[in-house]
Amino acid sequence: MIRWPAPESMKFTFVIPCYNEGEDVRLALESSLLQNHPEKEVIVVDDSTDGTRAIVDSYRERGVRVIRPDERRGCCEARNIGLKAATGDVVVLLNADVHPPPNLLAHLEHHYAQGADWVILRSLVSNQDTLVGRFIQAQAERMYAAQGDLLYWSEAFSCRREAALAVGGIPDSFPLPFCRDWFFGRILEERGYRKVVDLSFNVPHKAPATLKEFFTQKTRDGRFSILFFHFLRRRSMPALLTRSLAKQAMILALGLALVPWGLRVARLLLVSPKRWADGIGFAGCEGVYRLGYAVGEWRGIASLLHLTLARRHASP
């Protein structure tokens, strides 16, 4: 039986993976350093190739540890590097665009003192003054209500370091780099670690501000989805092709029918702060979301085909 540390000795480690995010990384770093909890450390796993490196390095004098991997293998591997290097009892995983309030660690400490092994908080888009920001938050609220995947991962996701290491960290050993971080929560759940969901505490984060940025985000998610089903769910290439074709045929049919499309948008408008005034804009965001995801899935399939051909060419 593991004896968890008493509340007065509990230490937290922030792990912040960073890749060319100079515009946002100051948010996460400043928010981490301003936490009103005495026992904390901040680790940045940075493999940037631009001016972000200088920004991150400027925080060393304030106690931030910077780790630069020899090879870039994606966000989940960066998080795992931080997990192994951490000295805290609890690890808090932040993206570079997350800026939690100063009482985050004090709030988390309460849950861990009560026996939690991992904690999910409410993710809140901070730039809801933009159409895309409101759309993304509306999607999140619908997923919370439906008990969806957001209850397995959140901004400022935290867990006991021992638990994370016991399950091998976040799956990251794949021929193609990709990250499905919510799957880590499912692994912890399957191994019997105690989860606490606290949607009363908001963790702000920046969302894509433009449709172009949103499209880029969704193409990445679509590509990762294909790689996830292939490497972690063991789906074959024919199965993935069939799945993508069937899915996109259904989306096209629903889009032509308009009514189901409109119902999806209407459900999101119910939780938008501007309600029906966002109607046309949300319809456009829904289209960008679907199109970006579809493009990403085909890019994922293309990546797998390229990998297969490269392996065949390399084999004797």
C-alpha atoms as a PDB file:
ATOM      1  CA  MET A   1       0.000   0.000   0.000  1.00  0.00           C
ATOM      2  CA  ILE A   2       1.368   3.410  -1.025  1.00  0.00           C
ATOM      3  CA  ARG A   3       1.482   6.028   1.716  1.00  0.00           C
ATOM      4  CA  TRP A   4       0.758   9.368   0.112  1.00  0.00           C
ATOM      5  CA  PRO A   5       2.453  12.434   1.612  1.00  0.00           C
ATOM      6  CA  ALA A   6       0.633  14.536   4.186  1.00  0.00           C
ATOM      7  CA  PRO A   7      -0.878  17.802   2.846  1.00  0.00           C
ATOM      8  CA  GLU A   8       1.748  19.956   4.537  1.00  0.00           C
ATOM      9  CA  SER A   9       4.569  18.175   2.650  1.00  0.00           C
ATOM     10  CA  MET A  10       2.900  17.853  -0.739  1.00  0.00           C
ATOM     11  CA  LYS A  11       4.957  19.181  -3.644  1.00  0.00           C
ATOM     12  CA  PHE A  12       3.669  19.971  -7.140  1.00  0.00           C
ATOM     13  CA  THR A  13       5.533  19.950 -10.438  1.00  0.00           C
ATOM     14  CA  PHE A  14       4.320  21.838 -13.495  1.00  0.00           C
ATOM     15  CA  VAL A  15       5.348  20.179 -16.768  1.00  0.00           C
ATOM     16  CA  ILE A  16       5.000  22.425 -19.815  1.00  0.00           C
ATOM     17  CA  PRO A  17       5.766  20.963 -23.268  1.00  0.00           C
ATOM     18  CA  CYS A  18       6.671  23.694 -25.710  1.00  0.00           C
ATOM     19  CA  TYR A  19       7.240  23.855 -29.456  1.00  0.00           C
ATOM     20  CA  ASN A  20       7.492  27.259 -31.178  1.00  0.00           C
ATOM     21  CA  GLU A  21       4.965  28.884 -28.862  1.00  0.00           C
ATOM     22  CA  GLY A  22       6.671  32.135 -27.981  1.00  0.00           C
ATOM     23  CA  GLU A  23       3.408  34.050 -28.246  1.00  0.00           C
ATOM     24  CA  ASP A  24       1.741  32.021 -25.493  1.00  0.00           C
ATOM     25  CA  VAL A  25       4.353  30.299 -23.335  1.00  0.00           C
ATOM     26  CA  ARG A  26       4.770  33.320 -21.058  1.00  0.00           C
ATOM     27  CA  LEU A  27       1.138  32.771 -20.004  1.00  0.00           C
ATOM     28  CA  ALA A  28       1.841  29.313 -18.658  1.00  0.00           C
ATOM     29  CA  LEU A  29       5.187  30.239 -17.113  1.00  0.00           C
ATOM     30  CA  GLU A  30       3.950  33.350 -15.309  1.00  0.00           C
ATOM     31  CA  SER A  31       0.831  31.577 -14.062  1.00  0.00           C
ATOM     32  CA  SER A  32       2.912  28.674 -12.750  1.00  0.00           C
ATOM     33  CA  LEU A  33       5.398  30.889 -10.942  1.00  0.00           C
ATOM     34  CA  LEU A  34       2.653  33.021  -9.386  1.00  0.00           C
ATOM     35  CA  GLN A  35       0.969  30.077  -7.675  1.00  0.00           C
ATOM     36  CA  ASN A  36       0.451  30.793  -3.973  1.00  0.00           C
ATOM     37  CA  HIS A  37       1.719  27.371  -2.929  1.00  0.00           C
ATOM     38  CA  PRO A  38       5.206  27.104  -1.387  1.00  0.00           C
ATOM     39  CA  GLU A  39       6.142  23.649  -2.676  1.00  0.00           C
ATOM     40  CA  LYS A  40       6.316  23.782  -6.456  1.00  0.00           C
ATOM     41  CA  GLU A  41       8.703  23.458  -9.381  1.00  0.00           C
ATOM     42  CA  VAL A  42       8.332  24.301 -13.066  1.00  0.00           C
ATOM     43  CA  ILE A  43       9.791  22.172 -15.862  1.00  0.00           C
ATOM     44  CA  VAL A  44       9.652  23.184 -19.518  1.00  0.00           C
ATOM     45  CA  VAL A  45      10.385  20.493 -22.098  1.00  0.00           C
ATOM     46  CA  ASP A  46      11.265  22.664 -25.072  1.00  0.00           C
ATOM     47  CA  ASP A  47      12.229  21.593 -28.551  1.00  0.00           C
ATOM     48  CA  SER A  48      11.466  24.864 -30.281  1.00  0.00           C
ATOM     49  CA  THR A  49      13.337  26.005 -33.357  1.00  0.00           C
ATOM     50  CA  ASP A  50      12.474  29.699 -33.194  1.00  0.00           C
ATOM     51  CA  GLY A  51      12.724  32.606 -30.749  1.00  0.00           C
ATOM     52  CA  THR A  52      10.744  30.646 -28.162  1.00  0.00           C
ATOM     53  CA  ARG A  53      14.024  29.149 -26.954  1.00  0.00           C
ATOM     54  CA  ALA A  54      15.282  32.537 -25.773  1.00  0.00           C
ATOM     55  CA  ILE A  55      11.992  33.296 -24.007  1.00  0.00           C
ATOM     56  CA  VAL A  56      12.062  29.990 -22.137  1.00  0.00           C
ATOM     57  CA  ASP A  57      15.734  30.366 -21.226  1.00  0.00           C
ATOM     58  CA  SER A  58      15.046  33.805 -19.730  1.00  0.00           C
ATOM     59  CA  TYR A  59      13.004  32.076 -17.010  1.00  0.00           C
ATOM     60  CA  ARG A  60      15.903  29.936 -15.778  1.00  0.00           C
ATOM     61  CA  GLU A  61      16.962  32.692 -13.373  1.00  0.00           C
ATOM     62  CA  ARG A  62      13.511  32.438 -11.776  1.00  0.00           C
ATOM     63  CA  GLY A  63      14.005  28.743 -11.055  1.00  0.00           C
ATOM     64  CA  VAL A  64      12.439  27.200 -14.169  1.00  0.00           C
ATOM     65  CA  ARG A  65      14.137  23.976 -15.314  1.00  0.00           C
ATOM     66  CA  VAL A  66      14.474  23.676 -19.083  1.00  0.00           C
ATOM     67  CA  ILE A  67      14.942  20.289 -20.768  1.00  0.00           C
ATOM     68  CA  ARG A  68      15.702  20.016 -24.469  1.00  0.00           C
ATOM     69  CA  PRO A  69      15.220  16.521 -25.956  1.00  0.00           C
ATOM     70  CA  ASP A  70      17.761  15.216 -28.434  1.00  0.00           C
ATOM     71  CA  GLU A  71      14.982  14.410 -30.898  1.00  0.00           C
ATOM     72  CA  ARG A  72      11.492  15.806 -31.363  1.00  0.00           C
ATOM     73  CA  ARG A  73       8.888  13.057 -30.929  1.00  0.00           C
ATOM     74  CA  GLY A  74       5.778  15.061 -30.120  1.00  0.00           C
ATOM     75  CA  CYS A  75       3.891  16.501 -27.187  1.00  0.00           C
ATOM     76  CA  CYS A  76       3.191  13.264 -25.303  1.00  0.00           C
ATOM     77  CA  GLU A  77       6.842  12.241 -25.283  1.00  0.00           C
ATOM     78  CA  ALA A  78       7.730  15.719 -24.019  1.00  0.00           C
ATOM     79  CA  ARG A  79       5.244  15.277 -21.181  1.00  0.00           C
ATOM     80  CA  ASN A  80       6.710  11.894 -20.326  1.00  0.00           C
ATOM     81  CA  ILE A  81      10.207  13.392 -20.199  1.00  0.00           C
ATOM     82  CA  GLY A  82       8.873  15.964 -17.751  1.00  0.00           C
ATOM     83  CA  LEU A  83       7.115  13.280 -15.691  1.00  0.00           C
ATOM     84  CA  LYS A  84      10.365  11.364 -15.254  1.00  0.00           C
ATOM     85  CA  ALA A  85      12.324  14.487 -14.357  1.00  0.00           C
ATOM     86  CA  ALA A  86       9.748  15.796 -11.875  1.00  0.00           C
ATOM     87  CA  THR A  87      10.432  15.714  -8.140  1.00  0.00           C
ATOM     88  CA  GLY A  88       6.909  16.649  -7.060  1.00  0.00           C
ATOM     89  CA  ASP A  89       4.376  14.292  -5.532  1.00  0.00           C
ATOM     90  CA  VAL A  90       1.758  15.565  -7.994  1.00  0.00           C
ATOM     91  CA  VAL A  91       2.424  16.549 -11.609  1.00  0.00           C
ATOM     92  CA  VAL A  92       0.327  19.208 -13.349  1.00  0.00           C
ATOM     93  CA  LEU A  93       0.496  19.123 -17.151  1.00  0.00           C
ATOM     94  CA  LEU A  94       0.064  22.510 -18.810  1.00  0.00           C
ATOM     95  CA  ASN A  95      -0.047  23.488 -22.445  1.00  0.00           C
ATOM     96  CA  ALA A  96       1.777  26.696 -23.305  1.00  0.00           C
ATOM     97  CA  ASP A  97      -1.465  28.649 -23.747  1.00  0.00           C
ATOM     98  CA  VAL A  98      -2.925  27.773 -20.319  1.00  0.00           C
ATOM     99  CA  HIS A  99      -2.967  30.379 -17.547  1.00  0.00           C
ATOM    100  CA  PRO A 100      -4.537  28.974 -14.365  1.00  0.00           C
ATOM    101  CA  PRO A 101      -5.432  31.248 -11.434  1.00  0.00           C
ATOM    102  CA  PRO A 102      -2.928  31.546  -8.542  1.00  0.00           C
ATOM    103  CA  ASN A 103      -4.952  29.272  -6.243  1.00  0.00           C
ATOM    104  CA  LEU A 104      -4.838  26.254  -8.591  1.00  0.00           C
ATOM    105  CA  LEU A 105      -2.355  24.243  -6.514  1.00  0.00           C
ATOM    106  CA  ALA A 106      -4.072  25.065  -3.237  1.00  0.00           C
ATOM    107  CA  HIS A 107      -7.332  23.848  -4.755  1.00  0.00           C
ATOM    108  CA  LEU A 108      -5.761  20.655  -6.092  1.00  0.00           C
ATOM    109  CA  GLU A 109      -4.061  19.976  -2.761  1.00  0.00           C
ATOM    110  CA  HIS A 110      -7.441  19.610  -1.117  1.00  0.00           C
ATOM    111  CA  HIS A 111      -8.436  16.809  -3.510  1.00  0.00           C
ATOM    112  CA  TYR A 112      -5.136  14.967  -3.193  1.00  0.00           C
ATOM    113  CA  ALA A 113      -5.250  15.239   0.587  1.00  0.00           C
ATOM    114  CA  GLN A 114      -8.609  13.456   0.369  1.00  0.00           C
ATOM    115  CA  GLY A 115      -7.097  10.566  -1.610  1.00  0.00           C
ATOM    116  CA  ALA A 116      -7.471  11.539  -5.276  1.00  0.00           C
ATOM    117  CA  ASP A 117      -5.002   9.995  -7.728  1.00  0.00           C
ATOM    118  CA  TRP A 118      -5.882  12.235 -10.678  1.00  0.00           C
ATOM    119  CA  VAL A 119      -8.063  15.303 -11.011  1.00  0.00           C
ATOM    120  CA  ILE A 120     -10.092  16.757 -13.868  1.00  0.00           C
ATOM    121  CA  LEU A 121     -11.028  20.454 -13.748  1.00  0.00           C
ATOM    122  CA  ARG A 122     -13.206  22.547 -16.057  1.00  0.00           C
ATOM    123  CA  SER A 123     -11.364  23.926 -19.093  1.00  0.00           C
ATOM    124  CA  LEU A 124     -12.536  27.432 -19.941  1.00  0.00           C
ATOM    125  CA  VAL A 125     -11.727  29.322 -23.147  1.00  0.00           C
ATOM    126  CA  SER A 126     -10.451  32.740 -22.086  1.00  0.00           C
ATOM    127  CA  ASN A 127     -10.822  34.450 -25.470  1.00  0.00           C
ATOM    128  CA  GLN A 128     -14.568  34.041 -25.873  1.00  0.00           C
ATOM    129  CA  ASP A 129     -14.658  37.506 -27.366  1.00  0.00           C
ATOM    130  CA  THR A 130     -13.910  35.661 -30.643  1.00  0.00           C
ATOM    131  CA  LEU A 131     -16.448  33.599 -32.559  1.00  0.00           C
ATOM    132  CA  VAL A 132     -14.199  30.535 -32.685  1.00  0.00           C
ATOM    133  CA  GLY A 133     -13.480  30.787 -28.960  1.00  0.00           C
ATOM    134  CA  ARG A 134     -17.198  30.780 -28.146  1.00  0.00           C
ATOM    135  CA  PHE A 135     -17.774  27.848 -30.502  1.00  0.00           C
ATOM    136  CA  ILE A 136     -15.007  25.764 -28.896  1.00  0.00           C
ATOM    137  CA  GLN A 137     -16.306  26.483 -25.384  1.00  0.00           C
ATOM    138  CA  ALA A 138     -19.840  25.595 -26.466  1.00  0.00           C
ATOM    139  CA  GLN A 139     -18.528  22.259 -27.759  1.00  0.00           C
ATOM    140  CA  ALA A 140     -16.798  21.692 -24.426  1.00  0.00           C
ATOM    141  CA  GLU A 141     -19.961  22.438 -22.441  1.00  0.00           C
ATOM    142  CA  ARG A 142     -21.914  19.937 -24.528  1.00  0.00           C
ATOM    143  CA  MET A 143     -19.235  17.298 -23.926  1.00  0.00           C
ATOM    144  CA  TYR A 144     -19.274  17.949 -20.185  1.00  0.00           C
ATOM    145  CA  ALA A 145     -23.041  17.516 -20.172  1.00  0.00           C
ATOM    146  CA  ALA A 146     -22.744  14.272 -22.154  1.00  0.00           C
ATOM    147  CA  GLN A 147     -20.002  12.890 -19.867  1.00  0.00           C
ATOM    148  CA  GLY A 148     -17.674  12.696 -22.871  1.00  0.00           C
ATOM    149  CA  ASP A 149     -13.909  12.510 -23.370  1.00  0.00           C
ATOM    150  CA  LEU A 150     -13.309  15.812 -21.581  1.00  0.00           C
ATOM    151  CA  LEU A 151     -13.845  13.931 -18.337  1.00  0.00           C
ATOM    152  CA  TYR A 152     -10.589  12.060 -19.057  1.00  0.00           C
ATOM    153  CA  TRP A 153      -8.397  15.043 -19.833  1.00  0.00           C
ATOM    154  CA  SER A 154      -8.476  18.741 -19.084  1.00  0.00           C
ATOM    155  CA  GLU A 155      -6.290  21.792 -19.109  1.00  0.00           C
ATOM    156  CA  ALA A 156      -4.081  21.596 -15.992  1.00  0.00           C
ATOM    157  CA  PHE A 157      -4.538  17.812 -15.932  1.00  0.00           C
ATOM    158  CA  SER A 158      -2.927  16.523 -12.747  1.00  0.00           C
ATOM    159  CA  CYS A 159      -2.055  13.142 -11.270  1.00  0.00           C
ATOM    160  CA  ARG A 160       0.207  11.600  -8.679  1.00  0.00           C
ATOM    161  CA  ARG A 161       3.640  11.102 -10.165  1.00  0.00           C
ATOM    162  CA  GLU A 162       3.826   7.529  -8.836  1.00  0.00           C
ATOM    163  CA  ALA A 163       0.561   6.655 -10.563  1.00  0.00           C
ATOM    164  CA  ALA A 164       1.722   8.156 -13.864  1.00  0.00           C
ATOM    165  CA  LEU A 165       4.999   6.237 -13.778  1.00  0.00           C
ATOM    166  CA  ALA A 166       3.271   3.013 -12.685  1.00  0.00           C
ATOM    167  CA  VAL A 167       1.160   2.949 -15.867  1.00  0.00           C
ATOM    168  CA  GLY A 168       4.115   3.875 -18.074  1.00  0.00           C
ATOM    169  CA  GLY A 169       3.124   7.480 -18.661  1.00  0.00           C
ATOM    170  CA  ILE A 170       1.251   8.659 -21.726  1.00  0.00           C
ATOM    171  CA  PRO A 171       1.547   6.230 -24.687  1.00  0.00           C
ATOM    172  CA  ASP A 172       4.152   7.724 -27.035  1.00  0.00           C
ATOM    173  CA  SER A 173       6.260   4.957 -28.608  1.00  0.00           C
ATOM    174  CA  PHE A 174       5.003   4.972 -32.184  1.00  0.00           C
ATOM    175  CA  PRO A 175       6.715   5.028 -35.589  1.00  0.00           C
ATOM    176  CA  LEU A 176       4.874   8.299 -36.304  1.00  0.00           C
ATOM    177  CA  PRO A 177       4.743  10.960 -33.578  1.00  0.00           C
ATOM    178  CA  PHE A 178       1.273  11.800 -32.327  1.00  0.00           C
ATOM    179  CA  CYS A 179      -0.497  12.373 -29.037  1.00  0.00           C
ATOM    180  CA  ARG A 180      -3.901  11.327 -27.720  1.00  0.00           C
ATOM    181  CA  ASP A 181      -3.588  12.650 -24.185  1.00  0.00           C
ATOM    182  CA  TRP A 182      -7.128  11.808 -23.019  1.00  0.00           C
ATOM    183  CA  PHE A 183      -6.229   8.144 -23.456  1.00  0.00           C
ATOM    184  CA  PHE A 184      -3.911   8.545 -20.463  1.00  0.00           C
ATOM    185  CA  GLY A 185      -6.952   9.189 -18.262  1.00  0.00           C
ATOM    186  CA  ARG A 186      -8.618   6.047 -19.535  1.00  0.00           C
ATOM    187  CA  ILE A 187      -5.512   4.024 -18.686  1.00  0.00           C
ATOM    188  CA  LEU A 188      -5.468   5.433 -15.159  1.00  0.00           C
ATOM    189  CA  GLU A 189      -9.147   4.588 -14.787  1.00  0.00           C
ATOM    190  CA  GLU A 190      -8.680   1.045 -16.076  1.00  0.00           C
ATOM    191  CA  ARG A 191      -5.854   0.508 -13.576  1.00  0.00           C
ATOM    192  CA  GLY A 192      -8.128   1.510 -10.722  1.00  0.00           C
ATOM    193  CA  TYR A 193      -6.688   4.899  -9.804  1.00  0.00           C
ATOM    194  CA  ARG A 194      -9.177   7.210  -8.152  1.00  0.00           C
ATOM    195  CA  LYS A 195     -10.434  10.086 -10.310  1.00  0.00           C
ATOM    196  CA  VAL A 196     -11.989  13.300  -9.045  1.00  0.00           C
ATOM    197  CA  VAL A 197     -13.940  15.536 -11.430  1.00  0.00           C
ATOM    198  CA  ASP A 198     -14.320  19.089 -10.154  1.00  0.00           C
ATOM    199  CA  LEU A 199     -16.100  21.292 -12.676  1.00  0.00           C
ATOM    200  CA  SER A 200     -16.493  24.087 -10.125  1.00  0.00           C
ATOM    201  CA  PHE A 201     -12.910  25.241 -10.751  1.00  0.00           C
ATOM    202  CA  ASN A 202     -12.128  26.895 -14.103  1.00  0.00           C
ATOM    203  CA  VAL A 203      -8.752  26.668 -15.831  1.00  0.00           C
ATOM    204  CA  PRO A 204      -8.507  29.358 -18.546  1.00  0.00           C
ATOM    205  CA  HIS A 205      -6.764  28.683 -21.832  1.00  0.00           C
ATOM    206  CA  LYS A 206      -6.484  30.394 -25.194  1.00  0.00           C
ATOM    207  CA  ALA A 207      -8.307  28.833 -28.126  1.00  0.00           C
ATOM    208  CA  PRO A 208      -7.673  29.434 -31.837  1.00  0.00           C
ATOM    209  CA  ALA A 209      -8.891  32.940 -32.599  1.00  0.00           C
ATOM    210  CA  THR A 210      -9.501  32.599 -36.357  1.00  0.00           C
ATOM    211  CA  LEU A 211     -11.132  30.071 -38.646  1.00  0.00           C
ATOM    212  CA  LYS A 212      -7.742  29.430 -40.260  1.00  0.00           C
ATOM    213  CA  GLU A 213      -6.190  28.531 -36.895  1.00  0.00           C
ATOM    214  CA  PHE A 214      -9.225  26.412 -36.041  1.00  0.00           C
ATOM    215  CA  PHE A 215      -8.945  24.536 -39.341  1.00  0.00           C
ATOM    216  CA  THR A 216      -5.260  23.839 -38.652  1.00  0.00           C
ATOM    217  CA  GLN A 217      -6.106  22.518 -35.181  1.00  0.00           C
ATOM    218  CA  LYS A 218      -8.819  20.211 -36.525  1.00  0.00           C
ATOM    219  CA  THR A 219      -6.619  18.819 -39.305  1.00  0.00           C
ATOM    220  CA  ARG A 220      -4.088  17.876 -36.626  1.00  0.00           C
ATOM    221  CA  ASP A 221      -6.808  16.245 -34.520  1.00  0.00           C
ATOM    222  CA  GLY A 222      -8.129  14.336 -37.519  1.00  0.00           C
ATOM    223  CA  ARG A 223      -4.673  13.023 -38.376  1.00  0.00           C
ATOM    224  CA  PHE A 224      -4.057  12.004 -34.762  1.00  0.00           C
ATOM    225  CA  SER A 225      -7.405  10.199 -34.714  1.00  0.00           C
ATOM    226  CA  ILE A 226      -6.373   7.921 -37.573  1.00  0.00           C
ATOM    227  CA  LEU A 227      -2.991   7.193 -35.986  1.00  0.00           C
ATOM    228  CA  PHE A 228      -4.690   6.490 -32.657  1.00  0.00           C
ATOM    229  CA  PHE A 229      -7.045   3.909 -34.161  1.00  0.00           C
ATOM    230  CA  HIS A 230      -4.199   2.266 -36.060  1.00  0.00           C
ATOM    231  CA  PHE A 231      -1.485   2.119 -33.378  1.00  0.00           C
ATOM    232  CA  LEU A 232      -3.585   1.873 -30.212  1.00  0.00           C
ATOM    233  CA  ARG A 233      -6.820   0.275 -31.400  1.00  0.00           C
ATOM    234  CA  ARG A 234      -5.043  -1.968 -33.909  1.00  0.00           C
ATOM    235  CA  ARG A 235      -7.309  -1.062 -36.826  1.00  0.00           C
ATOM    236  CA  SER A 236      -6.045  -2.177 -40.230  1.00  0.00           C
ATOM    237  CA  MET A 237      -5.611   0.155 -43.198  1.00  0.00           C
ATOM    238  CA  PRO A 238      -8.675  -1.271 -45.034  1.00  0.00           C
ATOM    239  CA  ALA A 239     -10.759  -0.788 -41.886  1.00  0.00           C
ATOM    240  CA  LEU A 240      -9.572   2.812 -41.513  1.00  0.00           C
ATOM    241  CA  LEU A 241     -10.296   3.579 -45.154  1.00  0.00           C
ATOM    242  CA  THR A 242     -13.782   2.102 -44.863  1.00  0.00           C
ATOM    243  CA  ARG A 243     -14.400   3.997 -41.626  1.00  0.00           C
ATOM    244  CA  SER A 244     -13.313   7.341 -43.089  1.00  0.00           C
ATOM    245  CA  LEU A 245     -15.292   6.910 -46.290  1.00  0.00           C
ATOM    246  CA  ALA A 246     -18.449   5.881 -44.427  1.00  0.00           C
ATOM    247  CA  LYS A 247     -18.080   8.691 -41.910  1.00  0.00           C
ATOM    248  CA  GLN A 248     -17.576  11.371 -44.526  1.00  0.00           C
ATOM    249  CA  ALA A 249     -20.403  10.044 -46.692  1.00  0.00           C
ATOM    250  CA  MET A 250     -22.694  10.319 -43.687  1.00  0.00           C
ATOM    251  CA  ILE A 251     -21.501  13.856 -42.939  1.00  0.00           C
ATOM    252  CA  LEU A 252     -22.102  14.842 -46.561  1.00  0.00           C
ATOM    253  CA  ALA A 253     -25.590  13.367 -46.489  1.00  0.00           C
ATOM    254  CA  LEU A 254     -26.423  15.148 -43.245  1.00  0.00           C
ATOM    255  CA  GLY A 255     -24.989  18.364 -44.592  1.00  0.00           C
ATOM    256  CA  LEU A 256     -27.178  18.168 -47.677  1.00  0.00           C
ATOM    257  CA  ALA A 257     -30.172  17.458 -45.481  1.00  0.00           C
ATOM    258  CA  LEU A 258     -29.381  20.623 -43.430  1.00  0.00           C
ATOM    259  CA  VAL A 259     -31.804  19.707 -40.629  1.00  0.00           C
ATOM    260  CA  PRO A 260     -29.410  17.525 -38.564  1.00  0.00           C
ATOM    261  CA  TRP A 261     -26.649  20.078 -39.183  1.00  0.00           C
ATOM    262  CA  GLY A 262     -28.926  22.817 -37.935  1.00  0.00           C
ATOM    263  CA  LEU A 263     -29.853  20.811 -34.835  1.00  0.00           C
ATOM    264  CA  ARG A 264     -26.195  20.345 -33.917  1.00  0.00           C
ATOM    265  CA  VAL A 265     -25.565  24.062 -34.281  1.00  0.00           C
ATOM    266  CA  ALA A 266     -28.733  24.911 -32.327  1.00  0.00           C
ATOM    267  CA  ARG A 267     -27.601  22.759 -29.385  1.00  0.00           C
ATOM    268  CA  LEU A 268     -24.317  24.676 -29.290  1.00  0.00           C
ATOM    269  CA  LEU A 269     -26.103  28.026 -29.474  1.00  0.00           C
ATOM    270  CA  LEU A 270     -28.005  27.157 -26.300  1.00  0.00           C
ATOM    271  CA  VAL A 271     -24.761  27.387 -24.325  1.00  0.00           C
ATOM    272  CA  SER A 272     -23.231  30.304 -26.223  1.00  0.00           C
ATOM    273  CA  PRO A 273     -23.146  33.624 -24.315  1.00  0.00           C
ATOM    274  CA  LYS A 274     -24.509  35.342 -27.424  1.00  0.00           C
ATOM    275  CA  ARG A 275     -27.085  32.618 -28.113  1.00  0.00           C
ATOM    276  CA  TRP A 276     -28.822  32.981 -31.486  1.00  0.00           C
ATOM    277  CA  ALA A 277     -26.714  35.952 -32.571  1.00  0.00           C
ATOM    278  CA  ASP A 278     -23.938  33.416 -33.208  1.00  0.00           C
ATOM    279  CA  GLY A 279     -26.151  31.315 -35.491  1.00  0.00           C
ATOM    280  CA  ILE A 280     -24.528  31.994 -38.856  1.00  0.00           C
ATOM    281  CA  GLY A 281     -21.046  32.100 -37.372  1.00  0.00           C
ATOM    282  CA  PHE A 282     -21.490  28.791 -35.536  1.00  0.00           C
ATOM    283  CA  ALA A 283     -22.783  27.183 -38.741  1.00  0.00           C
ATOM    284  CA  GLY A 284     -19.574  28.266 -40.448  1.00  0.00           C
ATOM    285  CA  CYS A 285     -17.448  26.999 -37.540  1.00  0.00           C
ATOM    286  CA  GLU A 286     -19.234  23.643 -37.708  1.00  0.00           C
ATOM    287  CA  GLY A 287     -18.342  23.400 -41.391  1.00  0.00           C
ATOM    288  CA  VAL A 288     -14.693  24.249 -40.743  1.00  0.00           C
ATOM    289  CA  TYR A 289     -14.623  21.726 -37.896  1.00  0.00           C
ATOM    290  CA  ARG A 290     -15.981  18.909 -40.070  1.00  0.00           C
ATOM    291  CA  LEU A 291     -13.875  19.775 -43.105  1.00  0.00           C
ATOM    292  CA  GLY A 292     -10.654  20.162 -41.107  1.00  0.00           C
ATOM    293  CA  TYR A 293     -11.165  16.846 -39.343  1.00  0.00           C
ATOM    294  CA  ALA A 294     -11.857  15.084 -42.642  1.00  0.00           C
ATOM    295  CA  VAL A 295      -8.737  16.543 -44.261  1.00  0.00           C
ATOM    296  CA  GLY A 296      -6.728  15.505 -41.212  1.00  0.00           C
ATOM    297  CA  GLU A 297      -8.003  11.924 -41.380  1.00  0.00           C
ATOM    298  CA  TRP A 298      -6.875  11.610 -44.975  1.00  0.00           C
ATOM    299  CA  ARG A 299      -3.495  13.068 -44.047  1.00  0.00           C
ATOM    300  CA  GLY A 300      -3.262  10.423 -41.337  1.00  0.00           C
ATOM    301  CA  ILE A 301      -4.032   7.679 -43.840  1.00  0.00           C
ATOM    302  CA  ALA A 302      -1.427   9.145 -46.222  1.00  0.00           C
ATOM    303  CA  SER A 303       1.160   9.107 -43.404  1.00  0.00           C
ATOM    304  CA  LEU A 304       0.437   5.443 -42.712  1.00  0.00           C
ATOM    305  CA  LEU A 305       0.685   4.553 -46.407  1.00  0.00           C
ATOM    306  CA  HIS A 306       4.000   6.386 -46.648  1.00  0.00           C
ATOM    307  CA  LEU A 307       5.282   4.515 -43.572  1.00  0.00           C
ATOM    308  CA  THR A 308       4.170   1.168 -45.009  1.00  0.00           C
ATOM    309  CA  LEU A 309       5.897   1.834 -48.323  1.00  0.00           C
ATOM    310  CA  ALA A 310       9.075   2.991 -46.574  1.00  0.00           C
ATOM    311  CA  ARG A 311       9.161  -0.200 -44.505  1.00  0.00           C
ATOM    312  CA  ARG A 312       8.673  -2.381 -47.557  1.00  0.00           C
ATOM    313  CA  HIS A 313      11.413  -0.533 -49.396  1.00  0.00           C
ATOM    314  CA  ALA A 314      13.787  -0.929 -46.435  1.00  0.00           C
ATOM    315  CA  SER A 315      13.120  -4.635 -45.966  1.00  0.00           C
ATOM    316  CA  PRO A 316      15.557  -7.027 -47.744  1.00  0.00           C
END
